[in-house]
Amino acid sequence: SDVADDIGLVSSRVMLCAAHQAHMA
């Protein structure tokens, strides 16, 4: 997905990705 797609960035999905990054750290 890209920020230009559809409705762009949605808080819950961005938070999911951020949680993946934090958890991997």
PDBML (XML) file of the C-alpha atoms, coordinates in Angstrom:
<?xml version="1.0" encoding="UTF-8" ?>
<PDBx:datablock datablockName="MODEL"
   xmlns:PDBx="http://pdbml.pdb.org/schema/pdbx-v50.xsd"
   xmlns:xsi="http://www.w3.org/2001/XMLSchema-instance"
   xsi:schemaLocation="http://pdbml.pdb.org/schema/pdbx-v50.xsd pdbx-v50.xsd">
   <PDBx:atom_siteCategory>
      <PDBx:atom_site id="1">
         <PDBx:B_iso_or_equiv>0.00</PDBx:B_iso_or_equiv>
         <PDBx:Cartn_x>0.000</PDBx:Cartn_x>
         <PDBx:Cartn_y>0.000</PDBx:Cartn_y>
         <PDBx:Cartn_z>0.000</PDBx:Cartn_z>
         <PDBx:auth_asym_id>A</PDBx:auth_asym_id>
         <PDBx:auth_atom_id>CA</PDBx:auth_atom_id>
         <PDBx:auth_comp_id>SER</PDBx:auth_comp_id>
         <PDBx:auth_seq_id>1</PDBx:auth_seq_id>
         <PDBx:group_PDB>ATOM</PDBx:group_PDB>
         <PDBx:label_alt_id xsi:nil="true" />
         <PDBx:label_asym_id>A</PDBx:label_asym_id>
         <PDBx:label_atom_id>CA</PDBx:label_atom_id>
         <PDBx:label_comp_id>SER</PDBx:label_comp_id>
         <PDBx:label_entity_id>1</PDBx:label_entity_id>
         <PDBx:label_seq_id>1</PDBx:label_seq_id>
         <PDBx:occupancy>1.00</PDBx:occupancy>
         <PDBx:pdbx_PDB_model_num>1</PDBx:pdbx_PDB_model_num>
         <PDBx:type_symbol>C</PDBx:type_symbol>
      </PDBx:atom_site>
      <PDBx:atom_site id="2">
         <PDBx:B_iso_or_equiv>0.00</PDBx:B_iso_or_equiv>
         <PDBx:Cartn_x>0.932</PDBx:Cartn_x>
         <PDBx:Cartn_y>3.616</PDBx:Cartn_y>
         <PDBx:Cartn_z>-0.604</PDBx:Cartn_z>
         <PDBx:auth_asym_id>A</PDBx:auth_asym_id>
         <PDBx:auth_atom_id>CA</PDBx:auth_atom_id>
         <PDBx:auth_comp_id>ASP</PDBx:auth_comp_id>
         <PDBx:auth_seq_id>2</PDBx:auth_seq_id>
         <PDBx:group_PDB>ATOM</PDBx:group_PDB>
         <PDBx:label_alt_id xsi:nil="true" />
         <PDBx:label_asym_id>A</PDBx:label_asym_id>
         <PDBx:label_atom_id>CA</PDBx:label_atom_id>
         <PDBx:label_comp_id>ASP</PDBx:label_comp_id>
         <PDBx:label_entity_id>1</PDBx:label_entity_id>
         <PDBx:label_seq_id>2</PDBx:label_seq_id>
         <PDBx:occupancy>1.00</PDBx:occupancy>
         <PDBx:pdbx_PDB_model_num>1</PDBx:pdbx_PDB_model_num>
         <PDBx:type_symbol>C</PDBx:type_symbol>
      </PDBx:atom_site>
      <PDBx:atom_site id="3">
         <PDBx:B_iso_or_equiv>0.00</PDBx:B_iso_or_equiv>
         <PDBx:Cartn_x>-0.202</PDBx:Cartn_x>
         <PDBx:Cartn_y>6.808</PDBx:Cartn_y>
         <PDBx:Cartn_z>1.102</PDBx:Cartn_z>
         <PDBx:auth_asym_id>A</PDBx:auth_asym_id>
         <PDBx:auth_atom_id>CA</PDBx:auth_atom_id>
         <PDBx:auth_comp_id>VAL</PDBx:auth_comp_id>
         <PDBx:auth_seq_id>3</PDBx:auth_seq_id>
         <PDBx:group_PDB>ATOM</PDBx:group_PDB>
         <PDBx:label_alt_id xsi:nil="true" />
         <PDBx:label_asym_id>A</PDBx:label_asym_id>
         <PDBx:label_atom_id>CA</PDBx:label_atom_id>
         <PDBx:label_comp_id>VAL</PDBx:label_comp_id>
         <PDBx:label_entity_id>1</PDBx:label_entity_id>
         <PDBx:label_seq_id>3</PDBx:label_seq_id>
         <PDBx:occupancy>1.00</PDBx:occupancy>
         <PDBx:pdbx_PDB_model_num>1</PDBx:pdbx_PDB_model_num>
         <PDBx:type_symbol>C</PDBx:type_symbol>
      </PDBx:atom_site>
      <PDBx:atom_site id="4">
         <PDBx:B_iso_or_equiv>0.00</PDBx:B_iso_or_equiv>
         <PDBx:Cartn_x>-1.680</PDBx:Cartn_x>
         <PDBx:Cartn_y>7.954</PDBx:Cartn_y>
         <PDBx:Cartn_z>-2.210</PDBx:Cartn_z>
         <PDBx:auth_asym_id>A</PDBx:auth_asym_id>
         <PDBx:auth_atom_id>CA</PDBx:auth_atom_id>
         <PDBx:auth_comp_id>ALA</PDBx:auth_comp_id>
         <PDBx:auth_seq_id>4</PDBx:auth_seq_id>
         <PDBx:group_PDB>ATOM</PDBx:group_PDB>
         <PDBx:label_alt_id xsi:nil="true" />
         <PDBx:label_asym_id>A</PDBx:label_asym_id>
         <PDBx:label_atom_id>CA</PDBx:label_atom_id>
         <PDBx:label_comp_id>ALA</PDBx:label_comp_id>
         <PDBx:label_entity_id>1</PDBx:label_entity_id>
         <PDBx:label_seq_id>4</PDBx:label_seq_id>
         <PDBx:occupancy>1.00</PDBx:occupancy>
         <PDBx:pdbx_PDB_model_num>1</PDBx:pdbx_PDB_model_num>
         <PDBx:type_symbol>C</PDBx:type_symbol>
      </PDBx:atom_site>
      <PDBx:atom_site id="5">
         <PDBx:B_iso_or_equiv>0.00</PDBx:B_iso_or_equiv>
         <PDBx:Cartn_x>-3.921</PDBx:Cartn_x>
         <PDBx:Cartn_y>4.894</PDBx:Cartn_y>
         <PDBx:Cartn_z>-2.436</PDBx:Cartn_z>
         <PDBx:auth_asym_id>A</PDBx:auth_asym_id>
         <PDBx:auth_atom_id>CA</PDBx:auth_atom_id>
         <PDBx:auth_comp_id>ASP</PDBx:auth_comp_id>
         <PDBx:auth_seq_id>5</PDBx:auth_seq_id>
         <PDBx:group_PDB>ATOM</PDBx:group_PDB>
         <PDBx:label_alt_id xsi:nil="true" />
         <PDBx:label_asym_id>A</PDBx:label_asym_id>
         <PDBx:label_atom_id>CA</PDBx:label_atom_id>
         <PDBx:label_comp_id>ASP</PDBx:label_comp_id>
         <PDBx:label_entity_id>1</PDBx:label_entity_id>
         <PDBx:label_seq_id>5</PDBx:label_seq_id>
         <PDBx:occupancy>1.00</PDBx:occupancy>
         <PDBx:pdbx_PDB_model_num>1</PDBx:pdbx_PDB_model_num>
         <PDBx:type_symbol>C</PDBx:type_symbol>
      </PDBx:atom_site>
      <PDBx:atom_site id="6">
         <PDBx:B_iso_or_equiv>0.00</PDBx:B_iso_or_equiv>
         <PDBx:Cartn_x>-7.620</PDBx:Cartn_x>
         <PDBx:Cartn_y>4.991</PDBx:Cartn_y>
         <PDBx:Cartn_z>-1.589</PDBx:Cartn_z>
         <PDBx:auth_asym_id>A</PDBx:auth_asym_id>
         <PDBx:auth_atom_id>CA</PDBx:auth_atom_id>
         <PDBx:auth_comp_id>ASP</PDBx:auth_comp_id>
         <PDBx:auth_seq_id>6</PDBx:auth_seq_id>
         <PDBx:group_PDB>ATOM</PDBx:group_PDB>
         <PDBx:label_alt_id xsi:nil="true" />
         <PDBx:label_asym_id>A</PDBx:label_asym_id>
         <PDBx:label_atom_id>CA</PDBx:label_atom_id>
         <PDBx:label_comp_id>ASP</PDBx:label_comp_id>
         <PDBx:label_entity_id>1</PDBx:label_entity_id>
         <PDBx:label_seq_id>6</PDBx:label_seq_id>
         <PDBx:occupancy>1.00</PDBx:occupancy>
         <PDBx:pdbx_PDB_model_num>1</PDBx:pdbx_PDB_model_num>
         <PDBx:type_symbol>C</PDBx:type_symbol>
      </PDBx:atom_site>
      <PDBx:atom_site id="7">
         <PDBx:B_iso_or_equiv>0.00</PDBx:B_iso_or_equiv>
         <PDBx:Cartn_x>-8.128</PDBx:Cartn_x>
         <PDBx:Cartn_y>6.944</PDBx:Cartn_y>
         <PDBx:Cartn_z>1.667</PDBx:Cartn_z>
         <PDBx:auth_asym_id>A</PDBx:auth_asym_id>
         <PDBx:auth_atom_id>CA</PDBx:auth_atom_id>
         <PDBx:auth_comp_id>ILE</PDBx:auth_comp_id>
         <PDBx:auth_seq_id>7</PDBx:auth_seq_id>
         <PDBx:group_PDB>ATOM</PDBx:group_PDB>
         <PDBx:label_alt_id xsi:nil="true" />
         <PDBx:label_asym_id>A</PDBx:label_asym_id>
         <PDBx:label_atom_id>CA</PDBx:label_atom_id>
         <PDBx:label_comp_id>ILE</PDBx:label_comp_id>
         <PDBx:label_entity_id>1</PDBx:label_entity_id>
         <PDBx:label_seq_id>7</PDBx:label_seq_id>
         <PDBx:occupancy>1.00</PDBx:occupancy>
         <PDBx:pdbx_PDB_model_num>1</PDBx:pdbx_PDB_model_num>
         <PDBx:type_symbol>C</PDBx:type_symbol>
      </PDBx:atom_site>
      <PDBx:atom_site id="8">
         <PDBx:B_iso_or_equiv>0.00</PDBx:B_iso_or_equiv>
         <PDBx:Cartn_x>-4.469</PDBx:Cartn_x>
         <PDBx:Cartn_y>7.186</PDBx:Cartn_y>
         <PDBx:Cartn_z>2.609</PDBx:Cartn_z>
         <PDBx:auth_asym_id>A</PDBx:auth_asym_id>
         <PDBx:auth_atom_id>CA</PDBx:auth_atom_id>
         <PDBx:auth_comp_id>GLY</PDBx:auth_comp_id>
         <PDBx:auth_seq_id>8</PDBx:auth_seq_id>
         <PDBx:group_PDB>ATOM</PDBx:group_PDB>
         <PDBx:label_alt_id xsi:nil="true" />
         <PDBx:label_asym_id>A</PDBx:label_asym_id>
         <PDBx:label_atom_id>CA</PDBx:label_atom_id>
         <PDBx:label_comp_id>GLY</PDBx:label_comp_id>
         <PDBx:label_entity_id>1</PDBx:label_entity_id>
         <PDBx:label_seq_id>8</PDBx:label_seq_id>
         <PDBx:occupancy>1.00</PDBx:occupancy>
         <PDBx:pdbx_PDB_model_num>1</PDBx:pdbx_PDB_model_num>
         <PDBx:type_symbol>C</PDBx:type_symbol>
      </PDBx:atom_site>
      <PDBx:atom_site id="9">
         <PDBx:B_iso_or_equiv>0.00</PDBx:B_iso_or_equiv>
         <PDBx:Cartn_x>-3.267</PDBx:Cartn_x>
         <PDBx:Cartn_y>6.682</PDBx:Cartn_y>
         <PDBx:Cartn_z>6.166</PDBx:Cartn_z>
         <PDBx:auth_asym_id>A</PDBx:auth_asym_id>
         <PDBx:auth_atom_id>CA</PDBx:auth_atom_id>
         <PDBx:auth_comp_id>LEU</PDBx:auth_comp_id>
         <PDBx:auth_seq_id>9</PDBx:auth_seq_id>
         <PDBx:group_PDB>ATOM</PDBx:group_PDB>
         <PDBx:label_alt_id xsi:nil="true" />
         <PDBx:label_asym_id>A</PDBx:label_asym_id>
         <PDBx:label_atom_id>CA</PDBx:label_atom_id>
         <PDBx:label_comp_id>LEU</PDBx:label_comp_id>
         <PDBx:label_entity_id>1</PDBx:label_entity_id>
         <PDBx:label_seq_id>9</PDBx:label_seq_id>
         <PDBx:occupancy>1.00</PDBx:occupancy>
         <PDBx:pdbx_PDB_model_num>1</PDBx:pdbx_PDB_model_num>
         <PDBx:type_symbol>C</PDBx:type_symbol>
      </PDBx:atom_site>
      <PDBx:atom_site id="10">
         <PDBx:B_iso_or_equiv>0.00</PDBx:B_iso_or_equiv>
         <PDBx:Cartn_x>-5.646</PDBx:Cartn_x>
         <PDBx:Cartn_y>5.443</PDBx:Cartn_y>
         <PDBx:Cartn_z>8.861</PDBx:Cartn_z>
         <PDBx:auth_asym_id>A</PDBx:auth_asym_id>
         <PDBx:auth_atom_id>CA</PDBx:auth_atom_id>
         <PDBx:auth_comp_id>VAL</PDBx:auth_comp_id>
         <PDBx:auth_seq_id>10</PDBx:auth_seq_id>
         <PDBx:group_PDB>ATOM</PDBx:group_PDB>
         <PDBx:label_alt_id xsi:nil="true" />
         <PDBx:label_asym_id>A</PDBx:label_asym_id>
         <PDBx:label_atom_id>CA</PDBx:label_atom_id>
         <PDBx:label_comp_id>VAL</PDBx:label_comp_id>
         <PDBx:label_entity_id>1</PDBx:label_entity_id>
         <PDBx:label_seq_id>10</PDBx:label_seq_id>
         <PDBx:occupancy>1.00</PDBx:occupancy>
         <PDBx:pdbx_PDB_model_num>1</PDBx:pdbx_PDB_model_num>
         <PDBx:type_symbol>C</PDBx:type_symbol>
      </PDBx:atom_site>
      <PDBx:atom_site id="11">
         <PDBx:B_iso_or_equiv>0.00</PDBx:B_iso_or_equiv>
         <PDBx:Cartn_x>-4.601</PDBx:Cartn_x>
         <PDBx:Cartn_y>5.681</PDBx:Cartn_y>
         <PDBx:Cartn_z>12.495</PDBx:Cartn_z>
         <PDBx:auth_asym_id>A</PDBx:auth_asym_id>
         <PDBx:auth_atom_id>CA</PDBx:auth_atom_id>
         <PDBx:auth_comp_id>SER</PDBx:auth_comp_id>
         <PDBx:auth_seq_id>11</PDBx:auth_seq_id>
         <PDBx:group_PDB>ATOM</PDBx:group_PDB>
         <PDBx:label_alt_id xsi:nil="true" />
         <PDBx:label_asym_id>A</PDBx:label_asym_id>
         <PDBx:label_atom_id>CA</PDBx:label_atom_id>
         <PDBx:label_comp_id>SER</PDBx:label_comp_id>
         <PDBx:label_entity_id>1</PDBx:label_entity_id>
         <PDBx:label_seq_id>11</PDBx:label_seq_id>
         <PDBx:occupancy>1.00</PDBx:occupancy>
         <PDBx:pdbx_PDB_model_num>1</PDBx:pdbx_PDB_model_num>
         <PDBx:type_symbol>C</PDBx:type_symbol>
      </PDBx:atom_site>
      <PDBx:atom_site id="12">
         <PDBx:B_iso_or_equiv>0.00</PDBx:B_iso_or_equiv>
         <PDBx:Cartn_x>-5.248</PDBx:Cartn_x>
         <PDBx:Cartn_y>2.071</PDBx:Cartn_y>
         <PDBx:Cartn_z>13.486</PDBx:Cartn_z>
         <PDBx:auth_asym_id>A</PDBx:auth_asym_id>
         <PDBx:auth_atom_id>CA</PDBx:auth_atom_id>
         <PDBx:auth_comp_id>SER</PDBx:auth_comp_id>
         <PDBx:auth_seq_id>12</PDBx:auth_seq_id>
         <PDBx:group_PDB>ATOM</PDBx:group_PDB>
         <PDBx:label_alt_id xsi:nil="true" />
         <PDBx:label_asym_id>A</PDBx:label_asym_id>
         <PDBx:label_atom_id>CA</PDBx:label_atom_id>
         <PDBx:label_comp_id>SER</PDBx:label_comp_id>
         <PDBx:label_entity_id>1</PDBx:label_entity_id>
         <PDBx:label_seq_id>12</PDBx:label_seq_id>
         <PDBx:occupancy>1.00</PDBx:occupancy>
         <PDBx:pdbx_PDB_model_num>1</PDBx:pdbx_PDB_model_num>
         <PDBx:type_symbol>C</PDBx:type_symbol>
      </PDBx:atom_site>
      <PDBx:atom_site id="13">
         <PDBx:B_iso_or_equiv>0.00</PDBx:B_iso_or_equiv>
         <PDBx:Cartn_x>-3.244</PDBx:Cartn_x>
         <PDBx:Cartn_y>0.566</PDBx:Cartn_y>
         <PDBx:Cartn_z>10.624</PDBx:Cartn_z>
         <PDBx:auth_asym_id>A</PDBx:auth_asym_id>
         <PDBx:auth_atom_id>CA</PDBx:auth_atom_id>
         <PDBx:auth_comp_id>ARG</PDBx:auth_comp_id>
         <PDBx:auth_seq_id>13</PDBx:auth_seq_id>
         <PDBx:group_PDB>ATOM</PDBx:group_PDB>
         <PDBx:label_alt_id xsi:nil="true" />
         <PDBx:label_asym_id>A</PDBx:label_asym_id>
         <PDBx:label_atom_id>CA</PDBx:label_atom_id>
         <PDBx:label_comp_id>ARG</PDBx:label_comp_id>
         <PDBx:label_entity_id>1</PDBx:label_entity_id>
         <PDBx:label_seq_id>13</PDBx:label_seq_id>
         <PDBx:occupancy>1.00</PDBx:occupancy>
         <PDBx:pdbx_PDB_model_num>1</PDBx:pdbx_PDB_model_num>
         <PDBx:type_symbol>C</PDBx:type_symbol>
      </PDBx:atom_site>
      <PDBx:atom_site id="14">
         <PDBx:B_iso_or_equiv>0.00</PDBx:B_iso_or_equiv>
         <PDBx:Cartn_x>-0.358</PDBx:Cartn_x>
         <PDBx:Cartn_y>2.996</PDBx:Cartn_y>
         <PDBx:Cartn_z>11.079</PDBx:Cartn_z>
         <PDBx:auth_asym_id>A</PDBx:auth_asym_id>
         <PDBx:auth_atom_id>CA</PDBx:auth_atom_id>
         <PDBx:auth_comp_id>VAL</PDBx:auth_comp_id>
         <PDBx:auth_seq_id>14</PDBx:auth_seq_id>
         <PDBx:group_PDB>ATOM</PDBx:group_PDB>
         <PDBx:label_alt_id xsi:nil="true" />
         <PDBx:label_asym_id>A</PDBx:label_asym_id>
         <PDBx:label_atom_id>CA</PDBx:label_atom_id>
         <PDBx:label_comp_id>VAL</PDBx:label_comp_id>
         <PDBx:label_entity_id>1</PDBx:label_entity_id>
         <PDBx:label_seq_id>14</PDBx:label_seq_id>
         <PDBx:occupancy>1.00</PDBx:occupancy>
         <PDBx:pdbx_PDB_model_num>1</PDBx:pdbx_PDB_model_num>
         <PDBx:type_symbol>C</PDBx:type_symbol>
      </PDBx:atom_site>
      <PDBx:atom_site id="15">
         <PDBx:B_iso_or_equiv>0.00</PDBx:B_iso_or_equiv>
         <PDBx:Cartn_x>-0.300</PDBx:Cartn_x>
         <PDBx:Cartn_y>2.099</PDBx:Cartn_y>
         <PDBx:Cartn_z>14.773</PDBx:Cartn_z>
         <PDBx:auth_asym_id>A</PDBx:auth_asym_id>
         <PDBx:auth_atom_id>CA</PDBx:auth_atom_id>
         <PDBx:auth_comp_id>MET</PDBx:auth_comp_id>
         <PDBx:auth_seq_id>15</PDBx:auth_seq_id>
         <PDBx:group_PDB>ATOM</PDBx:group_PDB>
         <PDBx:label_alt_id xsi:nil="true" />
         <PDBx:label_asym_id>A</PDBx:label_asym_id>
         <PDBx:label_atom_id>CA</PDBx:label_atom_id>
         <PDBx:label_comp_id>MET</PDBx:label_comp_id>
         <PDBx:label_entity_id>1</PDBx:label_entity_id>
         <PDBx:label_seq_id>15</PDBx:label_seq_id>
         <PDBx:occupancy>1.00</PDBx:occupancy>
         <PDBx:pdbx_PDB_model_num>1</PDBx:pdbx_PDB_model_num>
         <PDBx:type_symbol>C</PDBx:type_symbol>
      </PDBx:atom_site>
      <PDBx:atom_site id="16">
         <PDBx:B_iso_or_equiv>0.00</PDBx:B_iso_or_equiv>
         <PDBx:Cartn_x>-0.203</PDBx:Cartn_x>
         <PDBx:Cartn_y>-1.596</PDBx:Cartn_y>
         <PDBx:Cartn_z>13.854</PDBx:Cartn_z>
         <PDBx:auth_asym_id>A</PDBx:auth_asym_id>
         <PDBx:auth_atom_id>CA</PDBx:auth_atom_id>
         <PDBx:auth_comp_id>LEU</PDBx:auth_comp_id>
         <PDBx:auth_seq_id>16</PDBx:auth_seq_id>
         <PDBx:group_PDB>ATOM</PDBx:group_PDB>
         <PDBx:label_alt_id xsi:nil="true" />
         <PDBx:label_asym_id>A</PDBx:label_asym_id>
         <PDBx:label_atom_id>CA</PDBx:label_atom_id>
         <PDBx:label_comp_id>LEU</PDBx:label_comp_id>
         <PDBx:label_entity_id>1</PDBx:label_entity_id>
         <PDBx:label_seq_id>16</PDBx:label_seq_id>
         <PDBx:occupancy>1.00</PDBx:occupancy>
         <PDBx:pdbx_PDB_model_num>1</PDBx:pdbx_PDB_model_num>
         <PDBx:type_symbol>C</PDBx:type_symbol>
      </PDBx:atom_site>
      <PDBx:atom_site id="17">
         <PDBx:B_iso_or_equiv>0.00</PDBx:B_iso_or_equiv>
         <PDBx:Cartn_x>2.877</PDBx:Cartn_x>
         <PDBx:Cartn_y>-1.075</PDBx:Cartn_y>
         <PDBx:Cartn_z>11.744</PDBx:Cartn_z>
         <PDBx:auth_asym_id>A</PDBx:auth_asym_id>
         <PDBx:auth_atom_id>CA</PDBx:auth_atom_id>
         <PDBx:auth_comp_id>CYS</PDBx:auth_comp_id>
         <PDBx:auth_seq_id>17</PDBx:auth_seq_id>
         <PDBx:group_PDB>ATOM</PDBx:group_PDB>
         <PDBx:label_alt_id xsi:nil="true" />
         <PDBx:label_asym_id>A</PDBx:label_asym_id>
         <PDBx:label_atom_id>CA</PDBx:label_atom_id>
         <PDBx:label_comp_id>CYS</PDBx:label_comp_id>
         <PDBx:label_entity_id>1</PDBx:label_entity_id>
         <PDBx:label_seq_id>17</PDBx:label_seq_id>
         <PDBx:occupancy>1.00</PDBx:occupancy>
         <PDBx:pdbx_PDB_model_num>1</PDBx:pdbx_PDB_model_num>
         <PDBx:type_symbol>C</PDBx:type_symbol>
      </PDBx:atom_site>
      <PDBx:atom_site id="18">
         <PDBx:B_iso_or_equiv>0.00</PDBx:B_iso_or_equiv>
         <PDBx:Cartn_x>4.507</PDBx:Cartn_x>
         <PDBx:Cartn_y>1.042</PDBx:Cartn_y>
         <PDBx:Cartn_z>14.445</PDBx:Cartn_z>
         <PDBx:auth_asym_id>A</PDBx:auth_asym_id>
         <PDBx:auth_atom_id>CA</PDBx:auth_atom_id>
         <PDBx:auth_comp_id>ALA</PDBx:auth_comp_id>
         <PDBx:auth_seq_id>18</PDBx:auth_seq_id>
         <PDBx:group_PDB>ATOM</PDBx:group_PDB>
         <PDBx:label_alt_id xsi:nil="true" />
         <PDBx:label_asym_id>A</PDBx:label_asym_id>
         <PDBx:label_atom_id>CA</PDBx:label_atom_id>
         <PDBx:label_comp_id>ALA</PDBx:label_comp_id>
         <PDBx:label_entity_id>1</PDBx:label_entity_id>
         <PDBx:label_seq_id>18</PDBx:label_seq_id>
         <PDBx:occupancy>1.00</PDBx:occupancy>
         <PDBx:pdbx_PDB_model_num>1</PDBx:pdbx_PDB_model_num>
         <PDBx:type_symbol>C</PDBx:type_symbol>
      </PDBx:atom_site>
      <PDBx:atom_site id="19">
         <PDBx:B_iso_or_equiv>0.00</PDBx:B_iso_or_equiv>
         <PDBx:Cartn_x>3.762</PDBx:Cartn_x>
         <PDBx:Cartn_y>-1.689</PDBx:Cartn_y>
         <PDBx:Cartn_z>16.985</PDBx:Cartn_z>
         <PDBx:auth_asym_id>A</PDBx:auth_asym_id>
         <PDBx:auth_atom_id>CA</PDBx:auth_atom_id>
         <PDBx:auth_comp_id>ALA</PDBx:auth_comp_id>
         <PDBx:auth_seq_id>19</PDBx:auth_seq_id>
         <PDBx:group_PDB>ATOM</PDBx:group_PDB>
         <PDBx:label_alt_id xsi:nil="true" />
         <PDBx:label_asym_id>A</PDBx:label_asym_id>
         <PDBx:label_atom_id>CA</PDBx:label_atom_id>
         <PDBx:label_comp_id>ALA</PDBx:label_comp_id>
         <PDBx:label_entity_id>1</PDBx:label_entity_id>
         <PDBx:label_seq_id>19</PDBx:label_seq_id>
         <PDBx:occupancy>1.00</PDBx:occupancy>
         <PDBx:pdbx_PDB_model_num>1</PDBx:pdbx_PDB_model_num>
         <PDBx:type_symbol>C</PDBx:type_symbol>
      </PDBx:atom_site>
      <PDBx:atom_site id="20">
         <PDBx:B_iso_or_equiv>0.00</PDBx:B_iso_or_equiv>
         <PDBx:Cartn_x>5.500</PDBx:Cartn_x>
         <PDBx:Cartn_y>-4.201</PDBx:Cartn_y>
         <PDBx:Cartn_z>14.726</PDBx:Cartn_z>
         <PDBx:auth_asym_id>A</PDBx:auth_asym_id>
         <PDBx:auth_atom_id>CA</PDBx:auth_atom_id>
         <PDBx:auth_comp_id>HIS</PDBx:auth_comp_id>
         <PDBx:auth_seq_id>20</PDBx:auth_seq_id>
         <PDBx:group_PDB>ATOM</PDBx:group_PDB>
         <PDBx:label_alt_id xsi:nil="true" />
         <PDBx:label_asym_id>A</PDBx:label_asym_id>
         <PDBx:label_atom_id>CA</PDBx:label_atom_id>
         <PDBx:label_comp_id>HIS</PDBx:label_comp_id>
         <PDBx:label_entity_id>1</PDBx:label_entity_id>
         <PDBx:label_seq_id>20</PDBx:label_seq_id>
         <PDBx:occupancy>1.00</PDBx:occupancy>
         <PDBx:pdbx_PDB_model_num>1</PDBx:pdbx_PDB_model_num>
         <PDBx:type_symbol>C</PDBx:type_symbol>
      </PDBx:atom_site>
      <PDBx:atom_site id="21">
         <PDBx:B_iso_or_equiv>0.00</PDBx:B_iso_or_equiv>
         <PDBx:Cartn_x>8.560</PDBx:Cartn_x>
         <PDBx:Cartn_y>-1.968</PDBx:Cartn_y>
         <PDBx:Cartn_z>14.603</PDBx:Cartn_z>
         <PDBx:auth_asym_id>A</PDBx:auth_asym_id>
         <PDBx:auth_atom_id>CA</PDBx:auth_atom_id>
         <PDBx:auth_comp_id>GLN</PDBx:auth_comp_id>
         <PDBx:auth_seq_id>21</PDBx:auth_seq_id>
         <PDBx:group_PDB>ATOM</PDBx:group_PDB>
         <PDBx:label_alt_id xsi:nil="true" />
         <PDBx:label_asym_id>A</PDBx:label_asym_id>
         <PDBx:label_atom_id>CA</PDBx:label_atom_id>
         <PDBx:label_comp_id>GLN</PDBx:label_comp_id>
         <PDBx:label_entity_id>1</PDBx:label_entity_id>
         <PDBx:label_seq_id>21</PDBx:label_seq_id>
         <PDBx:occupancy>1.00</PDBx:occupancy>
         <PDBx:pdbx_PDB_model_num>1</PDBx:pdbx_PDB_model_num>
         <PDBx:type_symbol>C</PDBx:type_symbol>
      </PDBx:atom_site>
      <PDBx:atom_site id="22">
         <PDBx:B_iso_or_equiv>0.00</PDBx:B_iso_or_equiv>
         <PDBx:Cartn_x>8.633</PDBx:Cartn_x>
         <PDBx:Cartn_y>-1.374</PDBx:Cartn_y>
         <PDBx:Cartn_z>18.350</PDBx:Cartn_z>
         <PDBx:auth_asym_id>A</PDBx:auth_asym_id>
         <PDBx:auth_atom_id>CA</PDBx:auth_atom_id>
         <PDBx:auth_comp_id>ALA</PDBx:auth_comp_id>
         <PDBx:auth_seq_id>22</PDBx:auth_seq_id>
         <PDBx:group_PDB>ATOM</PDBx:group_PDB>
         <PDBx:label_alt_id xsi:nil="true" />
         <PDBx:label_asym_id>A</PDBx:label_asym_id>
         <PDBx:label_atom_id>CA</PDBx:label_atom_id>
         <PDBx:label_comp_id>ALA</PDBx:label_comp_id>
         <PDBx:label_entity_id>1</PDBx:label_entity_id>
         <PDBx:label_seq_id>22</PDBx:label_seq_id>
         <PDBx:occupancy>1.00</PDBx:occupancy>
         <PDBx:pdbx_PDB_model_num>1</PDBx:pdbx_PDB_model_num>
         <PDBx:type_symbol>C</PDBx:type_symbol>
      </PDBx:atom_site>
      <PDBx:atom_site id="23">
         <PDBx:B_iso_or_equiv>0.00</PDBx:B_iso_or_equiv>
         <PDBx:Cartn_x>8.063</PDBx:Cartn_x>
         <PDBx:Cartn_y>-5.051</PDBx:Cartn_y>
         <PDBx:Cartn_z>19.092</PDBx:Cartn_z>
         <PDBx:auth_asym_id>A</PDBx:auth_asym_id>
         <PDBx:auth_atom_id>CA</PDBx:auth_atom_id>
         <PDBx:auth_comp_id>HIS</PDBx:auth_comp_id>
         <PDBx:auth_seq_id>23</PDBx:auth_seq_id>
         <PDBx:group_PDB>ATOM</PDBx:group_PDB>
         <PDBx:label_alt_id xsi:nil="true" />
         <PDBx:label_asym_id>A</PDBx:label_asym_id>
         <PDBx:label_atom_id>CA</PDBx:label_atom_id>
         <PDBx:label_comp_id>HIS</PDBx:label_comp_id>
         <PDBx:label_entity_id>1</PDBx:label_entity_id>
         <PDBx:label_seq_id>23</PDBx:label_seq_id>
         <PDBx:occupancy>1.00</PDBx:occupancy>
         <PDBx:pdbx_PDB_model_num>1</PDBx:pdbx_PDB_model_num>
         <PDBx:type_symbol>C</PDBx:type_symbol>
      </PDBx:atom_site>
      <PDBx:atom_site id="24">
         <PDBx:B_iso_or_equiv>0.00</PDBx:B_iso_or_equiv>
         <PDBx:Cartn_x>10.847</PDBx:Cartn_x>
         <PDBx:Cartn_y>-6.105</PDBx:Cartn_y>
         <PDBx:Cartn_z>16.730</PDBx:Cartn_z>
         <PDBx:auth_asym_id>A</PDBx:auth_asym_id>
         <PDBx:auth_atom_id>CA</PDBx:auth_atom_id>
         <PDBx:auth_comp_id>MET</PDBx:auth_comp_id>
         <PDBx:auth_seq_id>24</PDBx:auth_seq_id>
         <PDBx:group_PDB>ATOM</PDBx:group_PDB>
         <PDBx:label_alt_id xsi:nil="true" />
         <PDBx:label_asym_id>A</PDBx:label_asym_id>
         <PDBx:label_atom_id>CA</PDBx:label_atom_id>
         <PDBx:label_comp_id>MET</PDBx:label_comp_id>
         <PDBx:label_entity_id>1</PDBx:label_entity_id>
         <PDBx:label_seq_id>24</PDBx:label_seq_id>
         <PDBx:occupancy>1.00</PDBx:occupancy>
         <PDBx:pdbx_PDB_model_num>1</PDBx:pdbx_PDB_model_num>
         <PDBx:type_symbol>C</PDBx:type_symbol>
      </PDBx:atom_site>
      <PDBx:atom_site id="25">
         <PDBx:B_iso_or_equiv>0.00</PDBx:B_iso_or_equiv>
         <PDBx:Cartn_x>13.184</PDBx:Cartn_x>
         <PDBx:Cartn_y>-3.689</PDBx:Cartn_y>
         <PDBx:Cartn_z>18.489</PDBx:Cartn_z>
         <PDBx:auth_asym_id>A</PDBx:auth_asym_id>
         <PDBx:auth_atom_id>CA</PDBx:auth_atom_id>
         <PDBx:auth_comp_id>ALA</PDBx:auth_comp_id>
         <PDBx:auth_seq_id>25</PDBx:auth_seq_id>
         <PDBx:group_PDB>ATOM</PDBx:group_PDB>
         <PDBx:label_alt_id xsi:nil="true" />
         <PDBx:label_asym_id>A</PDBx:label_asym_id>
         <PDBx:label_atom_id>CA</PDBx:label_atom_id>
         <PDBx:label_comp_id>ALA</PDBx:label_comp_id>
         <PDBx:label_entity_id>1</PDBx:label_entity_id>
         <PDBx:label_seq_id>25</PDBx:label_seq_id>
         <PDBx:occupancy>1.00</PDBx:occupancy>
         <PDBx:pdbx_PDB_model_num>1</PDBx:pdbx_PDB_model_num>
         <PDBx:type_symbol>C</PDBx:type_symbol>
      </PDBx:atom_site>
   </PDBx:atom_siteCategory>
</PDBx:datablock>
